[in-house]
Amino acid sequence: MATRQYKPARYKSFILPVLTLACLGYFVVNGIYGKSGVAALKEAQAKEARLQQELDNIVKKREIVENRVILLGNGSLEKDMLDERARYLANMIHPDDVVILRPR
C-alpha cells in the first residue's frame, strides 16, 4: 500500500491572520477618516462653533431691532428717533447738523 507524503503548504497558515489584519485595518481607517470618524467629528465641531458665532451675531442684531421697534411702538414715539429716521429716508440734513459718516 502506497502512502502519499506531502509537505504542508506554508501559506495556508497565514491566510487567517492576513484576513484578520485586513478587516481590522479597514475598520480602523474608517474609524479615523470615514463618514462618522474622528476627522468628521472635528469638522462637525468646527462647523458648530462657526454656526454658534453666526447665531450670536444674528441674536444681537435682532435685539437691536426689537429695541428700536419698542421705542417706535405703543404710542410712545420718541421724537429723536422719528426725526432721525425721516432725515435718513429723505436723505436730507439740517444746515446746523454735524454728520459723522461711518463705514459699513
C-alpha atoms as a PDB file:
ATOM      1  CA  MET A   1       0.000   0.000   0.000  1.00  0.00           C
ATOM      2  CA  ALA A   2       1.387   3.310  -1.035  1.00  0.00           C
ATOM      3  CA  THR A   3       1.091   6.348   1.166  1.00  0.00           C
ATOM      4  CA  ARG A   4       1.227   9.809  -0.086  1.00  0.00           C
ATOM      5  CA  GLN A   5       3.567  12.038   1.806  1.00  0.00           C
ATOM      6  CA  TYR A   6       3.319  15.716   1.228  1.00  0.00           C
ATOM      7  CA  LYS A   7       4.759  18.805   2.739  1.00  0.00           C
ATOM      8  CA  PRO A   8       2.064  21.107   4.153  1.00  0.00           C
ATOM      9  CA  ALA A   9       1.848  24.444   2.380  1.00  0.00           C
ATOM     10  CA  ARG A  10       3.147  27.364   4.427  1.00  0.00           C
ATOM     11  CA  TYR A  11       0.739  29.922   3.006  1.00  0.00           C
ATOM     12  CA  LYS A  12      -2.284  28.185   4.489  1.00  0.00           C
ATOM     13  CA  SER A  13      -1.223  29.137   7.998  1.00  0.00           C
ATOM     14  CA  PHE A  14      -1.060  32.845   7.034  1.00  0.00           C
ATOM     15  CA  ILE A  15      -4.485  33.188   5.416  1.00  0.00           C
ATOM     16  CA  LEU A  16      -6.498  33.739   8.601  1.00  0.00           C
ATOM     17  CA  PRO A  17      -4.113  36.291  10.210  1.00  0.00           C
ATOM     18  CA  VAL A  18      -3.813  38.257   6.955  1.00  0.00           C
ATOM     19  CA  LEU A  19      -7.599  38.399   6.514  1.00  0.00           C
ATOM     20  CA  THR A  20      -7.996  39.407  10.158  1.00  0.00           C
ATOM     21  CA  LEU A  21      -5.454  42.232   9.787  1.00  0.00           C
ATOM     22  CA  ALA A  22      -7.097  43.401   6.568  1.00  0.00           C
ATOM     23  CA  CYS A  23     -10.516  43.591   8.232  1.00  0.00           C
ATOM     24  CA  LEU A  24      -9.060  45.302  11.289  1.00  0.00           C
ATOM     25  CA  GLY A  25      -7.234  47.815   9.086  1.00  0.00           C
ATOM     26  CA  TYR A  26     -10.428  48.551   7.167  1.00  0.00           C
ATOM     27  CA  PHE A  27     -12.347  49.361  10.349  1.00  0.00           C
ATOM     28  CA  VAL A  28      -9.504  51.434  11.820  1.00  0.00           C
ATOM     29  CA  VAL A  29      -9.178  53.552   8.671  1.00  0.00           C
ATOM     30  CA  ASN A  30     -12.947  54.079   8.514  1.00  0.00           C
ATOM     31  CA  GLY A  31     -12.989  54.906  12.213  1.00  0.00           C
ATOM     32  CA  ILE A  32     -10.484  57.698  11.648  1.00  0.00           C
ATOM     33  CA  TYR A  33     -11.233  59.049   8.170  1.00  0.00           C
ATOM     34  CA  GLY A  34     -14.709  57.699   7.466  1.00  0.00           C
ATOM     35  CA  LYS A  35     -18.059  59.451   7.322  1.00  0.00           C
ATOM     36  CA  SER A  36     -18.532  59.119  11.093  1.00  0.00           C
ATOM     37  CA  GLY A  37     -14.876  59.034  12.084  1.00  0.00           C
ATOM     38  CA  VAL A  38     -12.663  61.228  14.218  1.00  0.00           C
ATOM     39  CA  ALA A  39     -11.824  63.624  11.353  1.00  0.00           C
ATOM     40  CA  ALA A  40     -15.522  64.117  10.575  1.00  0.00           C
ATOM     41  CA  LEU A  41     -16.199  64.784  14.267  1.00  0.00           C
ATOM     42  CA  LYS A  42     -13.570  67.552  14.352  1.00  0.00           C
ATOM     43  CA  GLU A  43     -15.026  69.107  11.192  1.00  0.00           C
ATOM     44  CA  ALA A  44     -18.513  68.974  12.705  1.00  0.00           C
ATOM     45  CA  GLN A  45     -17.288  70.646  15.902  1.00  0.00           C
ATOM     46  CA  ALA A  46     -15.593  73.423  13.913  1.00  0.00           C
ATOM     47  CA  LYS A  47     -18.774  73.958  11.892  1.00  0.00           C
ATOM     48  CA  GLU A  48     -20.810  74.031  15.099  1.00  0.00           C
ATOM     49  CA  ALA A  49     -18.546  76.747  16.526  1.00  0.00           C
ATOM     50  CA  ARG A  50     -18.879  78.826  13.319  1.00  0.00           C
ATOM     51  CA  LEU A  51     -22.651  78.477  13.309  1.00  0.00           C
ATOM     52  CA  GLN A  52     -22.872  79.348  17.007  1.00  0.00           C
ATOM     53  CA  GLN A  53     -20.891  82.547  16.384  1.00  0.00           C
ATOM     54  CA  GLU A  54     -23.193  83.390  13.473  1.00  0.00           C
ATOM     55  CA  LEU A  55     -26.241  82.743  15.664  1.00  0.00           C
ATOM     56  CA  ASP A  56     -24.871  85.031  18.379  1.00  0.00           C
ATOM     57  CA  ASN A  57     -24.397  87.822  15.814  1.00  0.00           C
ATOM     58  CA  ILE A  58     -27.932  87.382  14.497  1.00  0.00           C
ATOM     59  CA  VAL A  59     -29.375  87.405  18.026  1.00  0.00           C
ATOM     60  CA  LYS A  60     -27.546  90.673  18.777  1.00  0.00           C
ATOM     61  CA  LYS A  61     -28.884  92.260  15.588  1.00  0.00           C
ATOM     62  CA  ARG A  62     -32.390  91.080  16.436  1.00  0.00           C
ATOM     63  CA  GLU A  63     -32.185  92.554  19.937  1.00  0.00           C
ATOM     64  CA  ILE A  64     -31.156  95.900  18.453  1.00  0.00           C
ATOM     65  CA  VAL A  65     -34.063  95.846  16.010  1.00  0.00           C
ATOM     66  CA  GLU A  66     -36.519  94.787  18.728  1.00  0.00           C
ATOM     67  CA  ASN A  67     -35.309  97.622  20.918  1.00  0.00           C
ATOM     68  CA  ARG A  68     -35.873 100.111  18.091  1.00  0.00           C
ATOM     69  CA  VAL A  69     -39.356  98.703  17.479  1.00  0.00           C
ATOM     70  CA  ILE A  70     -40.197  99.088  21.161  1.00  0.00           C
ATOM     71  CA  LEU A  71     -39.092 102.727  21.020  1.00  0.00           C
ATOM     72  CA  LEU A  72     -41.299 103.349  17.967  1.00  0.00           C
ATOM     73  CA  GLY A  73     -44.365 101.441  19.169  1.00  0.00           C
ATOM     74  CA  ASN A  74     -47.103 101.752  21.781  1.00  0.00           C
ATOM     75  CA  GLY A  75     -47.851 105.422  21.171  1.00  0.00           C
ATOM     76  CA  SER A  76     -44.699 106.480  22.979  1.00  0.00           C
ATOM     77  CA  LEU A  77     -42.931 107.643  19.846  1.00  0.00           C
ATOM     78  CA  GLU A  78     -39.510 109.069  20.506  1.00  0.00           C
ATOM     79  CA  LYS A  79     -39.177 112.349  18.612  1.00  0.00           C
ATOM     80  CA  ASP A  80     -35.451 111.947  18.138  1.00  0.00           C
ATOM     81  CA  MET A  81     -35.901 108.518  16.556  1.00  0.00           C
ATOM     82  CA  LEU A  82     -38.649 109.821  14.281  1.00  0.00           C
ATOM     83  CA  ASP A  83     -36.575 112.799  13.226  1.00  0.00           C
ATOM     84  CA  GLU A  84     -33.519 110.623  12.607  1.00  0.00           C
ATOM     85  CA  ARG A  85     -35.456 108.110  10.525  1.00  0.00           C
ATOM     86  CA  ALA A  86     -37.252 110.795   8.490  1.00  0.00           C
ATOM     87  CA  ARG A  87     -33.979 112.524   7.655  1.00  0.00           C
ATOM     88  CA  TYR A  88     -32.372 109.209   6.755  1.00  0.00           C
ATOM     89  CA  LEU A  89     -35.223 108.239   4.422  1.00  0.00           C
ATOM     90  CA  ALA A  90     -35.425 111.694   2.832  1.00  0.00           C
ATOM     91  CA  ASN A  91     -31.641 111.842   2.530  1.00  0.00           C
ATOM     92  CA  MET A  92     -31.642 115.376   3.962  1.00  0.00           C
ATOM     93  CA  ILE A  93     -29.897 117.080   6.849  1.00  0.00           C
ATOM     94  CA  HIS A  94     -30.371 120.350   8.645  1.00  0.00           C
ATOM     95  CA  PRO A  95     -27.713 123.024   7.914  1.00  0.00           C
ATOM     96  CA  ASP A  96     -26.670 123.067  11.580  1.00  0.00           C
ATOM     97  CA  ASP A  97     -26.314 119.267  11.842  1.00  0.00           C
ATOM     98  CA  VAL A  98     -22.946 117.610  12.216  1.00  0.00           C
ATOM     99  CA  VAL A  99     -22.718 114.474  10.093  1.00  0.00           C
ATOM    100  CA  ILE A 100     -20.376 111.653  11.062  1.00  0.00           C
ATOM    101  CA  LEU A 101     -20.021 109.075   8.320  1.00  0.00           C
ATOM    102  CA  ARG A 102     -19.334 105.548   9.443  1.00  0.00           C
ATOM    103  CA  PRO A 103     -18.026 102.849   7.088  1.00  0.00           C
ATOM    104  CA  ARG A 104     -20.399  99.906   6.816  1.00  0.00           C
END
